[in-house]
Amino acid sequence: QVQLVESGGGLVQPGGSLRVSCAASGSIFSINAMNWYRQAPGKERELVAAIASGGRTNYADSVRGRFTISRDNAKNTAYLQMNSLKPEDTAVYYCFAKIQTNSGRLGDYWGQGTQVTVSS
């Protein structure tokens, strides 16, 4: 079984920075992609940033230039560095990973989410 656990969320002032982490554990053979999504109250879940196994990244227009996604393959961990945070960034941030398990199964996995609140 595979589990994703997010950490690092919290309360930050506008203009501040925060880094959230996503650690994958379990019977993992490889992680093809690790993405960060977020869901604000009353809104649909949206893709924030994505990183492939080779390092290619994609960002939502609303966060490009402010957020940076990275991954540490040795730790099976992804990070989202969030700078110049705005109140509009307030949301529950979810980690997503496309993972091939040691048994050969390729599947989608989600973390439980971590709350990020940007407020003065």
N, C-alpha and C. Protein backbone atom coordinates (compact mmCIF):
# COMPACT_ATOMS: atom_id res chain seq x y z
N GLN A 1 0.84 -1.20 0.00
CA GLN A 1 0.00 0.00 0.00
C GLN A 1 0.88 1.25 0.00
N VAL A 2 0.32 2.32 -0.54
CA VAL A 2 1.03 3.58 -0.67
C VAL A 2 0.24 4.65 0.07
N GLN A 3 0.97 5.51 0.74
CA GLN A 3 0.35 6.62 1.45
C GLN A 3 1.12 7.90 1.18
N LEU A 4 0.39 8.99 1.00
CA LEU A 4 0.98 10.32 0.87
C LEU A 4 0.58 11.14 2.08
N VAL A 5 1.55 11.80 2.68
CA VAL A 5 1.29 12.62 3.85
C VAL A 5 1.86 14.00 3.62
N GLU A 6 0.98 15.01 3.68
CA GLU A 6 1.40 16.40 3.56
C GLU A 6 1.73 16.97 4.93
N SER A 7 2.60 17.95 4.93
CA SER A 7 2.93 18.66 6.15
C SER A 7 3.40 20.06 5.79
N GLY A 8 3.45 20.92 6.78
CA GLY A 8 4.01 22.25 6.59
C GLY A 8 2.99 23.36 6.42
N GLY A 9 1.72 23.03 6.37
CA GLY A 9 0.72 24.07 6.25
C GLY A 9 0.62 24.89 7.52
N GLY A 10 -0.08 26.00 7.40
CA GLY A 10 -0.25 26.85 8.56
C GLY A 10 -0.73 28.23 8.17
N LEU A 11 -0.60 29.14 9.11
CA LEU A 11 -1.02 30.53 8.93
C LEU A 11 0.19 31.39 8.61
N VAL A 12 0.06 32.20 7.58
CA VAL A 12 1.15 33.08 7.17
C VAL A 12 0.56 34.42 6.74
N GLN A 13 1.32 35.48 6.94
CA GLN A 13 0.87 36.81 6.55
C GLN A 13 1.02 37.02 5.05
N PRO A 14 0.20 37.89 4.46
CA PRO A 14 0.39 38.22 3.05
C PRO A 14 1.81 38.68 2.78
N GLY A 15 2.37 38.21 1.68
CA GLY A 15 3.74 38.50 1.35
C GLY A 15 4.74 37.54 1.94
N GLY A 16 4.29 36.69 2.82
CA GLY A 16 5.17 35.74 3.46
C GLY A 16 5.41 34.50 2.63
N SER A 17 6.13 33.57 3.22
CA SER A 17 6.51 32.34 2.53
C SER A 17 6.18 31.13 3.38
N LEU A 18 5.98 30.03 2.70
CA LEU A 18 5.67 28.78 3.37
C LEU A 18 6.10 27.64 2.45
N ARG A 19 6.57 26.57 3.03
CA ARG A 19 6.90 25.38 2.26
C ARG A 19 6.12 24.21 2.78
N VAL A 20 5.38 23.58 1.89
CA VAL A 20 4.66 22.37 2.23
C VAL A 20 5.38 21.17 1.63
N SER A 21 5.27 20.05 2.31
CA SER A 21 5.96 18.84 1.90
C SER A 21 4.96 17.71 1.71
N CYS A 22 5.32 16.79 0.85
CA CYS A 22 4.52 15.59 0.60
C CYS A 22 5.45 14.40 0.58
N ALA A 23 5.30 13.53 1.54
CA ALA A 23 6.13 12.34 1.64
C ALA A 23 5.32 11.11 1.26
N ALA A 24 5.82 10.37 0.31
CA ALA A 24 5.20 9.13 -0.11
C ALA A 24 5.91 7.95 0.54
N SER A 25 5.14 6.99 0.98
CA SER A 25 5.71 5.81 1.61
C SER A 25 4.92 4.58 1.19
N GLY A 26 5.54 3.44 1.37
CA GLY A 26 4.91 2.19 1.02
C GLY A 26 5.70 1.42 -0.02
N SER A 27 5.01 0.54 -0.71
CA SER A 27 5.64 -0.32 -1.70
C SER A 27 5.76 0.41 -3.03
N ILE A 28 6.71 1.31 -3.10
CA ILE A 28 6.87 2.19 -4.26
C ILE A 28 8.02 1.72 -5.13
N PHE A 29 7.71 1.51 -6.40
CA PHE A 29 8.74 1.21 -7.38
C PHE A 29 9.25 2.50 -8.03
N SER A 30 8.33 3.35 -8.44
CA SER A 30 8.70 4.62 -9.04
C SER A 30 7.54 5.58 -8.93
N ILE A 31 7.86 6.85 -8.95
CA ILE A 31 6.86 7.91 -8.94
C ILE A 31 7.00 8.70 -10.24
N ASN A 32 6.00 8.59 -11.09
CA ASN A 32 6.07 9.23 -12.39
C ASN A 32 5.86 10.74 -12.30
N ALA A 33 4.95 11.14 -11.46
CA ALA A 33 4.64 12.55 -11.33
C ALA A 33 4.18 12.85 -9.92
N MET A 34 4.49 14.03 -9.45
CA MET A 34 3.99 14.51 -8.18
C MET A 34 3.43 15.90 -8.41
N ASN A 35 2.19 16.09 -8.03
CA ASN A 35 1.49 17.34 -8.27
C ASN A 35 0.98 17.92 -6.96
N TRP A 36 0.81 19.23 -6.97
CA TRP A 36 0.12 19.91 -5.90
C TRP A 36 -1.17 20.50 -6.44
N TYR A 37 -2.26 20.23 -5.75
CA TYR A 37 -3.55 20.82 -6.02
C TYR A 37 -3.97 21.64 -4.82
N ARG A 38 -4.94 22.50 -5.03
CA ARG A 38 -5.52 23.22 -3.91
C ARG A 38 -7.01 23.39 -4.13
N GLN A 39 -7.72 23.52 -3.04
CA GLN A 39 -9.15 23.74 -3.09
C GLN A 39 -9.53 24.79 -2.06
N ALA A 40 -10.01 25.91 -2.56
CA ALA A 40 -10.48 26.98 -1.71
C ALA A 40 -11.97 26.79 -1.44
N PRO A 41 -12.47 27.41 -0.37
CA PRO A 41 -13.90 27.27 -0.05
C PRO A 41 -14.78 27.68 -1.22
N GLY A 42 -15.72 26.83 -1.56
CA GLY A 42 -16.66 27.12 -2.62
C GLY A 42 -16.13 26.98 -4.02
N LYS A 43 -14.91 26.49 -4.17
CA LYS A 43 -14.31 26.37 -5.49
C LYS A 43 -13.89 24.93 -5.76
N GLU A 44 -13.70 24.65 -7.04
CA GLU A 44 -13.24 23.34 -7.45
C GLU A 44 -11.75 23.19 -7.15
N ARG A 45 -11.35 21.95 -6.98
CA ARG A 45 -9.94 21.67 -6.80
C ARG A 45 -9.19 21.99 -8.09
N GLU A 46 -8.07 22.68 -7.97
CA GLU A 46 -7.32 23.09 -9.14
C GLU A 46 -5.87 22.67 -9.03
N LEU A 47 -5.28 22.41 -10.17
CA LEU A 47 -3.86 22.07 -10.22
C LEU A 47 -3.03 23.32 -10.00
N VAL A 48 -2.10 23.24 -9.08
CA VAL A 48 -1.21 24.35 -8.77
C VAL A 48 0.14 24.18 -9.45
N ALA A 49 0.73 23.02 -9.29
CA ALA A 49 2.05 22.76 -9.85
C ALA A 49 2.23 21.27 -10.03
N ALA A 50 3.06 20.91 -10.99
CA ALA A 50 3.33 19.52 -11.28
C ALA A 50 4.80 19.34 -11.62
N ILE A 51 5.33 18.19 -11.26
CA ILE A 51 6.71 17.88 -11.61
C ILE A 51 6.78 16.41 -12.00
N ALA A 52 7.38 16.16 -13.14
CA ALA A 52 7.56 14.81 -13.63
C ALA A 52 8.85 14.21 -13.08
N SER A 53 9.02 12.93 -13.32
CA SER A 53 10.20 12.24 -12.80
C SER A 53 11.49 12.82 -13.34
N GLY A 54 11.46 13.33 -14.57
CA GLY A 54 12.64 13.92 -15.17
C GLY A 54 12.88 15.36 -14.79
N GLY A 55 11.99 15.95 -14.02
CA GLY A 55 12.18 17.30 -13.55
C GLY A 55 11.38 18.37 -14.28
N ARG A 56 10.66 18.00 -15.33
CA ARG A 56 9.84 18.98 -16.03
C ARG A 56 8.73 19.46 -15.12
N THR A 57 8.50 20.76 -15.11
CA THR A 57 7.51 21.36 -14.22
C THR A 57 6.47 22.14 -14.99
N ASN A 58 5.30 22.25 -14.40
CA ASN A 58 4.22 23.08 -14.91
C ASN A 58 3.58 23.80 -13.73
N TYR A 59 3.13 25.02 -13.99
CA TYR A 59 2.52 25.83 -12.94
C TYR A 59 1.24 26.47 -13.45
N ALA A 60 0.31 26.65 -12.53
CA ALA A 60 -0.84 27.46 -12.84
C ALA A 60 -0.40 28.91 -13.03
N ASP A 61 -1.09 29.61 -13.92
CA ASP A 61 -0.72 31.00 -14.19
C ASP A 61 -0.75 31.85 -12.92
N SER A 62 -1.65 31.54 -12.03
CA SER A 62 -1.83 32.35 -10.84
C SER A 62 -0.66 32.24 -9.85
N VAL A 63 0.16 31.21 -9.99
CA VAL A 63 1.25 31.01 -9.04
C VAL A 63 2.62 31.05 -9.70
N ARG A 64 2.66 31.06 -11.01
CA ARG A 64 3.93 31.05 -11.71
C ARG A 64 4.77 32.27 -11.32
N GLY A 65 6.02 32.01 -10.99
CA GLY A 65 6.91 33.07 -10.53
C GLY A 65 6.93 33.24 -9.03
N ARG A 66 5.93 32.71 -8.34
CA ARG A 66 5.87 32.79 -6.89
C ARG A 66 6.09 31.45 -6.21
N PHE A 67 5.60 30.39 -6.84
CA PHE A 67 5.71 29.05 -6.28
C PHE A 67 6.75 28.24 -7.04
N THR A 68 7.40 27.33 -6.34
CA THR A 68 8.36 26.43 -6.95
C THR A 68 8.12 25.02 -6.44
N ILE A 69 7.92 24.10 -7.37
CA ILE A 69 7.77 22.70 -7.00
C ILE A 69 9.10 21.99 -7.21
N SER A 70 9.41 21.09 -6.32
CA SER A 70 10.63 20.31 -6.42
C SER A 70 10.38 18.92 -5.84
N ARG A 71 11.30 18.02 -6.07
CA ARG A 71 11.17 16.68 -5.52
C ARG A 71 12.53 16.12 -5.17
N ASP A 72 12.54 15.31 -4.15
CA ASP A 72 13.72 14.59 -3.73
C ASP A 72 13.40 13.11 -3.94
N ASN A 73 13.91 12.56 -5.01
CA ASN A 73 13.56 11.19 -5.36
C ASN A 73 14.07 10.18 -4.34
N ALA A 74 15.19 10.48 -3.70
CA ALA A 74 15.71 9.57 -2.70
C ALA A 74 14.80 9.47 -1.49
N LYS A 75 14.06 10.53 -1.22
CA LYS A 75 13.15 10.56 -0.09
C LYS A 75 11.70 10.35 -0.49
N ASN A 76 11.44 10.18 -1.79
CA ASN A 76 10.07 10.07 -2.29
C ASN A 76 9.21 11.22 -1.78
N THR A 77 9.77 12.40 -1.85
CA THR A 77 9.13 13.58 -1.28
C THR A 77 9.08 14.71 -2.29
N ALA A 78 7.96 15.40 -2.33
CA ALA A 78 7.80 16.60 -3.13
C ALA A 78 7.60 17.79 -2.22
N TYR A 79 8.00 18.94 -2.71
CA TYR A 79 7.89 20.17 -1.95
C TYR A 79 7.23 21.23 -2.81
N LEU A 80 6.56 22.14 -2.16
CA LEU A 80 6.03 23.32 -2.82
C LEU A 80 6.45 24.53 -2.00
N GLN A 81 7.40 25.27 -2.54
CA GLN A 81 7.84 26.51 -1.91
C GLN A 81 6.94 27.64 -2.38
N MET A 82 6.28 28.28 -1.46
CA MET A 82 5.32 29.32 -1.78
C MET A 82 5.83 30.65 -1.24
N ASN A 83 6.10 31.57 -2.15
CA ASN A 83 6.58 32.89 -1.80
C ASN A 83 5.56 33.94 -2.21
N SER A 84 5.71 35.12 -1.65
CA SER A 84 4.82 36.24 -1.96
C SER A 84 3.37 35.82 -1.88
N LEU A 85 3.02 35.18 -0.80
CA LEU A 85 1.69 34.62 -0.64
C LEU A 85 0.64 35.71 -0.57
N LYS A 86 -0.51 35.40 -1.15
CA LYS A 86 -1.64 36.30 -1.19
C LYS A 86 -2.82 35.66 -0.48
N PRO A 87 -3.76 36.46 0.00
CA PRO A 87 -4.96 35.87 0.60
C PRO A 87 -5.68 34.90 -0.33
N GLU A 88 -5.61 35.15 -1.63
CA GLU A 88 -6.24 34.27 -2.60
C GLU A 88 -5.61 32.88 -2.65
N ASP A 89 -4.43 32.73 -2.06
CA ASP A 89 -3.79 31.43 -2.01
C ASP A 89 -4.33 30.55 -0.90
N THR A 90 -5.17 31.11 -0.05
CA THR A 90 -5.74 30.34 1.05
C THR A 90 -6.55 29.17 0.51
N ALA A 91 -6.20 27.98 0.95
CA ALA A 91 -6.86 26.77 0.47
C ALA A 91 -6.30 25.57 1.22
N VAL A 92 -6.95 24.45 1.03
CA VAL A 92 -6.37 23.19 1.42
C VAL A 92 -5.52 22.70 0.27
N TYR A 93 -4.27 22.42 0.54
CA TYR A 93 -3.34 21.97 -0.48
C TYR A 93 -3.19 20.46 -0.40
N TYR A 94 -3.40 19.82 -1.55
CA TYR A 94 -3.37 18.37 -1.64
C TYR A 94 -2.21 17.91 -2.51
N CYS A 95 -1.56 16.89 -2.07
CA CYS A 95 -0.52 16.24 -2.85
C CYS A 95 -1.13 15.10 -3.66
N PHE A 96 -0.69 14.99 -4.89
CA PHE A 96 -1.10 13.91 -5.78
C PHE A 96 0.14 13.27 -6.37
N ALA A 97 0.12 11.96 -6.50
CA ALA A 97 1.24 11.27 -7.13
C ALA A 97 0.74 10.13 -7.97
N LYS A 98 1.37 9.97 -9.13
CA LYS A 98 1.12 8.80 -9.96
C LYS A 98 2.28 7.84 -9.71
N ILE A 99 1.95 6.70 -9.14
CA ILE A 99 2.96 5.82 -8.58
C ILE A 99 2.81 4.41 -9.14
N GLN A 100 3.94 3.83 -9.51
CA GLN A 100 3.99 2.41 -9.83
C GLN A 100 4.49 1.68 -8.59
N THR A 101 3.70 0.74 -8.12
CA THR A 101 4.07 -0.01 -6.93
C THR A 101 5.03 -1.13 -7.29
N ASN A 102 5.58 -1.73 -6.26
CA ASN A 102 6.50 -2.85 -6.47
C ASN A 102 5.83 -4.05 -7.12
N SER A 103 4.52 -4.14 -6.99
CA SER A 103 3.78 -5.22 -7.63
C SER A 103 3.44 -4.92 -9.08
N GLY A 104 3.81 -3.73 -9.56
CA GLY A 104 3.60 -3.38 -10.95
C GLY A 104 2.36 -2.57 -11.25
N ARG A 105 1.60 -2.22 -10.25
CA ARG A 105 0.37 -1.48 -10.45
C ARG A 105 0.65 0.01 -10.52
N LEU A 106 0.09 0.67 -11.54
CA LEU A 106 0.21 2.11 -11.69
C LEU A 106 -1.11 2.73 -11.25
N GLY A 107 -1.04 3.62 -10.28
CA GLY A 107 -2.25 4.21 -9.76
C GLY A 107 -2.06 5.64 -9.30
N ASP A 108 -3.19 6.28 -9.02
CA ASP A 108 -3.22 7.65 -8.52
C ASP A 108 -3.42 7.64 -7.02
N TYR A 109 -2.67 8.49 -6.33
CA TYR A 109 -2.73 8.55 -4.88
C TYR A 109 -2.84 10.00 -4.44
N TRP A 110 -3.62 10.22 -3.41
CA TRP A 110 -3.86 11.54 -2.86
C TRP A 110 -3.50 11.60 -1.39
N GLY A 111 -2.95 12.73 -0.98
CA GLY A 111 -2.76 12.98 0.43
C GLY A 111 -4.03 13.50 1.06
N GLN A 112 -4.00 13.67 2.36
CA GLN A 112 -5.19 14.10 3.09
C GLN A 112 -5.39 15.61 3.06
N GLY A 113 -4.39 16.35 2.63
CA GLY A 113 -4.48 17.79 2.53
C GLY A 113 -3.90 18.50 3.73
N THR A 114 -3.39 19.68 3.49
CA THR A 114 -2.88 20.53 4.56
C THR A 114 -3.38 21.95 4.34
N GLN A 115 -3.85 22.57 5.39
CA GLN A 115 -4.46 23.89 5.29
C GLN A 115 -3.39 24.97 5.23
N VAL A 116 -3.52 25.85 4.25
CA VAL A 116 -2.68 27.04 4.15
C VAL A 116 -3.60 28.25 4.21
N THR A 117 -3.37 29.09 5.19
CA THR A 117 -4.18 30.29 5.37
C THR A 117 -3.28 31.51 5.31
N VAL A 118 -3.61 32.42 4.41
CA VAL A 118 -2.84 33.65 4.23
C VAL A 118 -3.72 34.80 4.71
N SER A 119 -3.34 35.37 5.83
CA SER A 119 -4.16 36.41 6.44
C SER A 119 -3.30 37.25 7.37
N SER A 120 -3.65 38.52 7.46
CA SER A 120 -2.94 39.41 8.35
C SER A 120 -3.54 39.37 9.75
